[in-house]
């Protein structure tokens, strides 16, 4: 399934400054692997050493937070849009 991935500005150095890329993936874990195969080094920015998505990154599938779906096992369908959004903190 082809999904559109919206890449945040800090990670665009891995994607050749592309803000959106198309990937083939059946779920979020597969998406991370697909991104890594196309853009080596990006997985280390997305996942910790155990393979879990980093806490300071939020993933949305069609504007739904994957934390309220199936997290990294969230299924993807053809035409879905996945947004990777860095958490914002401040005070």
C-alpha atoms as a PDB file:
ATOM      1  CA  UNK A   1       0.000   0.000   0.000  1.00  0.00           C
ATOM      2  CA  UNK A   2       1.278   3.432  -0.867  1.00  0.00           C
ATOM      3  CA  UNK A   3       0.994   6.028   1.872  1.00  0.00           C
ATOM      4  CA  UNK A   4       2.040   9.662   1.933  1.00  0.00           C
ATOM      5  CA  UNK A   5       4.378  10.588   4.785  1.00  0.00           C
ATOM      6  CA  UNK A   6       4.687  14.199   5.931  1.00  0.00           C
ATOM      7  CA  UNK A   7       8.246  14.760   7.138  1.00  0.00           C
ATOM      8  CA  UNK A   8       8.979  17.428   9.780  1.00  0.00           C
ATOM      9  CA  UNK A   9      11.615  20.027   8.919  1.00  0.00           C
ATOM     10  CA  UNK A  10      14.318  18.644  11.272  1.00  0.00           C
ATOM     11  CA  UNK A  11      14.190  15.269   9.457  1.00  0.00           C
ATOM     12  CA  UNK A  12      14.085  16.614   5.920  1.00  0.00           C
ATOM     13  CA  UNK A  13      17.888  16.502   5.733  1.00  0.00           C
ATOM     14  CA  UNK A  14      17.450  12.723   5.414  1.00  0.00           C
ATOM     15  CA  UNK A  15      14.849  12.990   2.633  1.00  0.00           C
ATOM     16  CA  UNK A  16      16.743  15.409   0.397  1.00  0.00           C
ATOM     17  CA  UNK A  17      14.709  18.326   1.784  1.00  0.00           C
ATOM     18  CA  UNK A  18      11.434  16.705   0.722  1.00  0.00           C
ATOM     19  CA  UNK A  19       8.530  17.622   3.008  1.00  0.00           C
ATOM     20  CA  UNK A  20       6.425  14.658   1.822  1.00  0.00           C
ATOM     21  CA  UNK A  21       7.411  11.242   0.500  1.00  0.00           C
ATOM     22  CA  UNK A  22       5.475   8.205  -0.683  1.00  0.00           C
ATOM     23  CA  UNK A  23       6.231   4.840   0.922  1.00  0.00           C
ATOM     24  CA  UNK A  24       5.004   1.281   0.699  1.00  0.00           C
ATOM     25  CA  UNK A  25       3.968  -0.103   4.093  1.00  0.00           C
ATOM     26  CA  UNK A  26       1.212  -2.142   5.748  1.00  0.00           C
ATOM     27  CA  UNK A  27       1.697  -0.675   9.238  1.00  0.00           C
ATOM     28  CA  UNK A  28       3.745   1.901  11.139  1.00  0.00           C
ATOM     29  CA  UNK A  29       6.585  -0.543  11.851  1.00  0.00           C
ATOM     30  CA  UNK A  30       6.773  -1.320   8.137  1.00  0.00           C
ATOM     31  CA  UNK A  31       6.696   2.379   7.357  1.00  0.00           C
ATOM     32  CA  UNK A  32       9.728   3.010   9.567  1.00  0.00           C
ATOM     33  CA  UNK A  33      11.595   0.191   7.798  1.00  0.00           C
ATOM     34  CA  UNK A  34      10.560   1.527   4.378  1.00  0.00           C
ATOM     35  CA  UNK A  35      11.772   5.002   5.295  1.00  0.00           C
ATOM     36  CA  UNK A  36      15.073   3.575   6.550  1.00  0.00           C
ATOM     37  CA  UNK A  37      15.645   1.614   3.340  1.00  0.00           C
ATOM     38  CA  UNK A  38      15.097   4.754   1.248  1.00  0.00           C
ATOM     39  CA  UNK A  39      16.688   7.251   3.622  1.00  0.00           C
ATOM     40  CA  UNK A  40      19.455   5.557   5.652  1.00  0.00           C
ATOM     41  CA  UNK A  41      19.864   6.974   9.149  1.00  0.00           C
ATOM     42  CA  UNK A  42      16.300   8.214   9.601  1.00  0.00           C
ATOM     43  CA  UNK A  43      15.255   5.225  11.743  1.00  0.00           C
ATOM     44  CA  UNK A  44      17.694   6.219  14.485  1.00  0.00           C
ATOM     45  CA  UNK A  45      15.903   9.570  14.680  1.00  0.00           C
ATOM     46  CA  UNK A  46      12.464   7.916  14.778  1.00  0.00           C
ATOM     47  CA  UNK A  47      13.137   4.964  17.104  1.00  0.00           C
ATOM     48  CA  UNK A  48      15.147   4.237  20.227  1.00  0.00           C
ATOM     49  CA  UNK A  49      17.622   1.345  20.508  1.00  0.00           C
ATOM     50  CA  UNK A  50      14.822  -1.122  21.285  1.00  0.00           C
ATOM     51  CA  UNK A  51      12.887  -0.154  18.145  1.00  0.00           C
ATOM     52  CA  UNK A  52      10.153   1.795  19.926  1.00  0.00           C
ATOM     53  CA  UNK A  53       9.097   5.136  18.497  1.00  0.00           C
ATOM     54  CA  UNK A  54      10.735   8.004  20.332  1.00  0.00           C
ATOM     55  CA  UNK A  55       8.541   9.680  22.947  1.00  0.00           C
ATOM     56  CA  UNK A  56       9.079  13.165  21.551  1.00  0.00           C
ATOM     57  CA  UNK A  57       7.635  12.238  18.151  1.00  0.00           C
ATOM     58  CA  UNK A  58       3.928  11.914  17.495  1.00  0.00           C
ATOM     59  CA  UNK A  59       2.624   9.879  14.564  1.00  0.00           C
ATOM     60  CA  UNK A  60      -0.808  10.503  13.062  1.00  0.00           C
ATOM     61  CA  UNK A  61      -2.622   8.414  10.460  1.00  0.00           C
ATOM     62  CA  UNK A  62      -5.218  10.538   8.699  1.00  0.00           C
ATOM     63  CA  UNK A  63      -5.098  12.951  11.665  1.00  0.00           C
ATOM     64  CA  UNK A  64      -5.666  10.153  14.230  1.00  0.00           C
ATOM     65  CA  UNK A  65      -2.968   9.811  16.899  1.00  0.00           C
ATOM     66  CA  UNK A  66      -1.582   6.256  16.705  1.00  0.00           C
ATOM     67  CA  UNK A  67      -1.375   6.179  20.522  1.00  0.00           C
ATOM     68  CA  UNK A  68      -5.178   5.872  20.454  1.00  0.00           C
ATOM     69  CA  UNK A  69      -5.089   3.257  17.691  1.00  0.00           C
ATOM     70  CA  UNK A  70      -2.638   0.330  17.701  1.00  0.00           C
ATOM     71  CA  UNK A  71       0.596   2.309  18.179  1.00  0.00           C
ATOM     72  CA  UNK A  72       3.345   0.872  15.972  1.00  0.00           C
ATOM     73  CA  UNK A  73       1.056  -1.952  14.832  1.00  0.00           C
ATOM     74  CA  UNK A  74      -1.458   0.550  13.407  1.00  0.00           C
ATOM     75  CA  UNK A  75      -2.503  -0.746   9.998  1.00  0.00           C
ATOM     76  CA  UNK A  76      -2.136   1.467   6.954  1.00  0.00           C
ATOM     77  CA  UNK A  77      -4.315   1.507   3.848  1.00  0.00           C
ATOM     78  CA  UNK A  78      -3.576   2.654   0.347  1.00  0.00           C
ATOM     79  CA  UNK A  79      -3.784   6.446   0.199  1.00  0.00           C
ATOM     80  CA  UNK A  80      -3.398   7.051   3.937  1.00  0.00           C
ATOM     81  CA  UNK A  81      -1.495  10.113   5.092  1.00  0.00           C
ATOM     82  CA  UNK A  82       0.973   9.718   7.955  1.00  0.00           C
ATOM     83  CA  UNK A  83       2.215  12.818   9.741  1.00  0.00           C
ATOM     84  CA  UNK A  84       5.330  12.766  11.884  1.00  0.00           C
ATOM     85  CA  UNK A  85       5.101  15.638  14.336  1.00  0.00           C
ATOM     86  CA  UNK A  86       7.785  16.559  16.881  1.00  0.00           C
ATOM     87  CA  UNK A  87       6.333  17.206  20.334  1.00  0.00           C
ATOM     88  CA  UNK A  88       6.354  20.840  21.373  1.00  0.00           C
ATOM     89  CA  UNK A  89       7.331  21.784  24.898  1.00  0.00           C
ATOM     90  CA  UNK A  90       7.940  25.026  26.616  1.00  0.00           C
ATOM     91  CA  UNK A  91       6.843  27.147  29.401  1.00  0.00           C
END
